[in-house]
N, C-alpha and C. Protein backbone atom coordinates (compact mmCIF):
# COMPACT_ATOMS: atom_id res chain seq x y z
N MET A 1 14.43 18.50 -7.40
CA MET A 1 12.98 18.44 -7.34
C MET A 1 12.54 17.12 -6.62
N ILE A 2 13.35 15.99 -6.92
CA ILE A 2 12.99 14.78 -6.32
C ILE A 2 13.15 14.90 -4.78
N LEU A 3 14.10 15.53 -4.36
CA LEU A 3 14.28 15.69 -2.89
C LEU A 3 13.10 16.43 -2.25
N LEU A 4 12.74 17.51 -2.87
CA LEU A 4 11.54 18.24 -2.50
C LEU A 4 10.36 17.39 -2.43
N LEU A 5 10.09 16.51 -3.38
CA LEU A 5 9.07 15.58 -3.28
C LEU A 5 9.12 14.58 -2.13
N GLN A 6 10.24 14.07 -1.86
CA GLN A 6 10.50 13.10 -0.83
C GLN A 6 10.28 13.82 0.48
N VAL A 7 10.64 14.98 0.65
CA VAL A 7 10.51 15.65 2.01
C VAL A 7 9.06 16.19 2.28
N TRP A 8 8.41 16.76 1.30
CA TRP A 8 7.14 17.37 1.49
C TRP A 8 5.90 16.58 1.27
N LYS A 9 6.03 15.45 0.49
CA LYS A 9 4.87 14.75 0.31
C LYS A 9 4.34 14.02 1.59
N PRO A 10 5.15 13.54 2.50
CA PRO A 10 4.69 13.04 3.80
C PRO A 10 3.99 14.07 4.66
N VAL A 11 4.51 15.30 4.56
CA VAL A 11 3.88 16.50 5.29
C VAL A 11 2.64 16.72 4.76
N PHE A 12 2.36 16.78 3.43
CA PHE A 12 1.14 16.98 2.83
C PHE A 12 0.15 15.90 3.16
N ASP A 13 0.58 14.68 3.05
CA ASP A 13 -0.27 13.51 3.42
C ASP A 13 -0.67 13.48 4.81
N ARG A 14 0.02 14.00 5.71
CA ARG A 14 -0.34 14.09 7.11
C ARG A 14 -1.71 14.86 7.29
N TYR A 15 -1.77 15.93 6.49
CA TYR A 15 -2.94 16.82 6.60
C TYR A 15 -3.99 16.34 5.54
N ASP A 16 -3.77 15.36 4.79
CA ASP A 16 -4.71 14.76 3.75
C ASP A 16 -4.95 13.34 4.17
N PRO A 17 -5.50 13.16 5.33
CA PRO A 17 -5.62 11.65 5.86
C PRO A 17 -6.58 10.83 4.93
N HIS A 18 -7.49 11.50 4.28
CA HIS A 18 -8.31 10.63 3.31
C HIS A 18 -7.83 10.41 1.99
N LYS A 19 -6.64 11.02 1.82
CA LYS A 19 -6.02 10.90 0.48
C LYS A 19 -6.85 11.43 -0.69
N THR A 20 -7.43 12.43 -0.50
CA THR A 20 -8.28 13.16 -1.54
C THR A 20 -7.38 13.91 -2.55
N GLY A 21 -6.13 14.26 -2.10
CA GLY A 21 -5.21 15.01 -3.01
C GLY A 21 -5.33 16.45 -2.75
N HIS A 22 -6.11 16.90 -1.79
CA HIS A 22 -6.23 18.29 -1.52
C HIS A 22 -6.55 18.50 0.04
N ILE A 23 -6.24 19.69 0.44
CA ILE A 23 -6.52 20.18 1.81
C ILE A 23 -7.52 21.33 1.80
N SER A 24 -8.57 21.30 2.53
CA SER A 24 -9.48 22.43 2.41
C SER A 24 -8.79 23.67 2.88
N ILE A 25 -9.32 24.81 2.40
CA ILE A 25 -8.75 26.18 2.82
C ILE A 25 -8.83 26.24 4.34
N GLN A 26 -9.93 25.91 4.90
CA GLN A 26 -10.13 26.05 6.33
C GLN A 26 -9.11 25.26 7.11
N GLU A 27 -8.87 23.95 6.68
CA GLU A 27 -7.82 23.09 7.38
C GLU A 27 -6.48 23.84 7.09
N PHE A 28 -6.20 24.23 5.87
CA PHE A 28 -4.91 24.83 5.65
C PHE A 28 -4.65 26.05 6.42
N LYS A 29 -5.64 26.88 6.72
CA LYS A 29 -5.56 28.00 7.48
C LYS A 29 -5.19 27.60 9.00
N ARG A 30 -6.00 26.69 9.46
CA ARG A 30 -5.67 26.07 10.83
C ARG A 30 -4.24 25.66 10.99
N ILE A 31 -3.81 24.94 9.97
CA ILE A 31 -2.37 24.49 9.92
C ILE A 31 -1.36 25.59 10.07
N LEU A 32 -1.63 26.55 9.24
CA LEU A 32 -0.71 27.72 9.15
C LEU A 32 -0.81 28.47 10.46
N GLN A 33 -1.95 28.60 11.10
CA GLN A 33 -2.08 29.36 12.29
C GLN A 33 -1.36 28.55 13.42
N GLU A 34 -1.51 27.22 13.48
CA GLU A 34 -0.79 26.36 14.50
C GLU A 34 0.74 26.56 14.30
N SER A 35 1.24 26.47 13.07
CA SER A 35 2.51 26.55 12.72
C SER A 35 3.17 27.90 13.08
N ASN A 36 2.40 28.97 13.00
CA ASN A 36 2.83 30.32 13.27
C ASN A 36 3.19 30.40 14.72
N SER A 37 2.70 29.61 15.56
CA SER A 37 2.95 29.74 17.03
C SER A 37 4.44 29.19 17.28
N HIS A 38 4.95 28.43 16.32
CA HIS A 38 6.31 27.86 16.49
C HIS A 38 7.44 28.68 15.80
N LEU A 39 7.03 29.78 15.26
CA LEU A 39 8.01 30.72 14.48
C LEU A 39 8.51 31.71 15.42
N SER A 40 9.67 32.28 15.19
CA SER A 40 10.39 33.24 16.06
C SER A 40 9.58 34.58 15.92
N GLU A 41 8.94 34.88 14.74
CA GLU A 41 8.13 36.08 14.73
C GLU A 41 6.86 35.73 14.19
N ASP A 42 5.72 36.26 14.66
CA ASP A 42 4.34 36.08 14.21
C ASP A 42 4.12 36.51 12.87
N ILE A 43 3.35 35.87 12.12
CA ILE A 43 2.85 36.27 10.84
C ILE A 43 1.46 36.79 11.13
N SER A 44 1.24 37.98 10.72
CA SER A 44 -0.10 38.65 11.01
C SER A 44 -1.31 37.87 10.32
N PRO A 45 -2.39 37.94 10.84
CA PRO A 45 -3.57 37.41 10.34
C PRO A 45 -3.86 37.73 8.84
N GLU A 46 -3.58 39.01 8.61
CA GLU A 46 -3.87 39.60 7.27
C GLU A 46 -2.83 38.86 6.22
N LEU A 47 -1.53 38.71 6.72
CA LEU A 47 -0.57 38.13 5.87
C LEU A 47 -1.04 36.64 5.64
N LEU A 48 -1.45 35.97 6.62
CA LEU A 48 -1.93 34.53 6.57
C LEU A 48 -2.99 34.46 5.50
N ASP A 49 -4.06 35.36 5.59
CA ASP A 49 -5.08 35.35 4.69
C ASP A 49 -4.69 35.58 3.24
N LYS A 50 -3.79 36.41 3.09
CA LYS A 50 -3.21 36.69 1.75
C LYS A 50 -2.38 35.55 1.19
N LEU A 51 -1.65 34.91 2.09
CA LEU A 51 -0.87 33.70 1.76
C LEU A 51 -1.79 32.55 1.32
N ILE A 52 -2.94 32.29 2.08
CA ILE A 52 -3.87 31.32 1.73
C ILE A 52 -4.48 31.63 0.42
N HIS A 53 -4.99 32.84 0.20
CA HIS A 53 -5.67 33.22 -1.00
C HIS A 53 -4.71 32.98 -2.21
N ASN A 54 -3.46 33.35 -2.09
CA ASN A 54 -2.52 33.13 -3.22
C ASN A 54 -2.17 31.63 -3.42
N ALA A 55 -2.21 30.94 -2.33
CA ALA A 55 -1.80 29.52 -2.50
C ALA A 55 -2.88 28.70 -3.28
N ASP A 56 -4.12 29.10 -3.12
CA ASP A 56 -5.32 28.44 -3.93
C ASP A 56 -5.31 29.07 -5.29
N ILE A 57 -4.28 28.57 -6.11
CA ILE A 57 -4.13 29.00 -7.49
C ILE A 57 -5.42 28.82 -8.30
N LEU A 58 -6.04 27.59 -8.18
CA LEU A 58 -7.24 27.32 -8.97
C LEU A 58 -8.50 28.03 -8.46
N LYS A 59 -8.46 28.58 -7.25
CA LYS A 59 -9.54 29.24 -6.67
C LYS A 59 -10.72 28.38 -6.48
N ASP A 60 -10.46 27.05 -6.05
CA ASP A 60 -11.51 26.12 -5.97
C ASP A 60 -11.77 25.79 -4.43
N GLY A 61 -11.21 26.58 -3.52
CA GLY A 61 -11.36 26.33 -2.18
C GLY A 61 -10.61 25.26 -1.45
N VAL A 62 -9.59 24.70 -2.14
CA VAL A 62 -8.79 23.59 -1.64
C VAL A 62 -7.38 23.92 -2.09
N ILE A 63 -6.43 23.39 -1.37
CA ILE A 63 -5.00 23.40 -1.69
C ILE A 63 -4.64 21.93 -2.19
N THR A 64 -4.22 21.95 -3.52
CA THR A 64 -3.82 20.52 -3.92
C THR A 64 -2.32 20.43 -3.73
N TYR A 65 -1.86 19.18 -3.91
CA TYR A 65 -0.42 18.96 -3.51
C TYR A 65 0.44 19.84 -4.49
N ASP A 66 0.12 20.05 -5.76
CA ASP A 66 0.89 20.97 -6.64
C ASP A 66 0.98 22.41 -6.23
N GLU A 67 -0.21 22.83 -5.62
CA GLU A 67 -0.21 24.24 -5.11
C GLU A 67 0.55 24.29 -3.90
N PHE A 68 0.51 23.23 -3.05
CA PHE A 68 1.27 23.18 -1.80
C PHE A 68 2.78 23.20 -2.10
N LEU A 69 3.25 22.41 -3.13
CA LEU A 69 4.63 22.37 -3.52
C LEU A 69 5.12 23.81 -4.04
N GLN A 70 4.23 24.40 -4.79
CA GLN A 70 4.59 25.75 -5.31
C GLN A 70 4.77 26.76 -4.11
N LEU A 71 3.92 26.57 -3.08
CA LEU A 71 4.10 27.42 -1.97
C LEU A 71 5.35 27.13 -1.22
N VAL A 72 5.65 25.92 -1.08
CA VAL A 72 6.88 25.59 -0.44
C VAL A 72 8.15 26.03 -1.20
N GLN A 73 8.08 26.01 -2.48
CA GLN A 73 9.21 26.41 -3.39
C GLN A 73 9.34 27.96 -3.20
N LEU A 74 8.17 28.64 -3.15
CA LEU A 74 8.27 30.07 -2.95
C LEU A 74 8.91 30.50 -1.66
N PHE A 75 8.59 29.77 -0.63
CA PHE A 75 9.28 30.01 0.66
C PHE A 75 10.64 29.64 0.69
N SER A 76 10.99 28.58 -0.01
CA SER A 76 12.34 28.20 -0.10
C SER A 76 13.27 29.28 -0.70
N VAL A 77 12.76 29.72 -1.75
CA VAL A 77 13.55 30.83 -2.51
C VAL A 77 13.67 32.08 -1.74
N ASN A 78 12.45 32.54 -1.19
CA ASN A 78 12.46 33.76 -0.32
C ASN A 78 13.26 33.70 0.94
N CYS A 79 13.27 32.54 1.54
CA CYS A 79 13.93 32.45 2.78
C CYS A 79 15.46 32.30 2.56
N SER A 80 15.85 31.81 1.45
CA SER A 80 17.28 31.63 1.15
C SER A 80 17.93 32.97 1.08
N VAL A 81 17.27 33.97 0.78
CA VAL A 81 17.80 35.32 0.53
C VAL A 81 18.24 35.83 1.91
N PHE A 82 17.68 35.35 3.00
CA PHE A 82 18.03 35.88 4.30
C PHE A 82 19.10 34.99 5.11
N ILE A 83 19.50 33.88 4.44
CA ILE A 83 20.39 32.98 5.07
C ILE A 83 21.77 33.37 4.77
């Protein structure tokens, strides 16, 4: 878990420049859309919307660092199945 925090905290902080502890849903969607262009296979807009909706656990319109980490952990577990 400590390694996870060391790796992903700087990534989160890069998109939280004002150190508010959260990233707006709109900003998070933009980040995912930009990242999507670097993947070998595109993620559909519908899947991105579902991902964003599920990532906002508190349903408050922002992604907190804890929500972000949960999403990273989910991807880590799901992607390891294919490796």
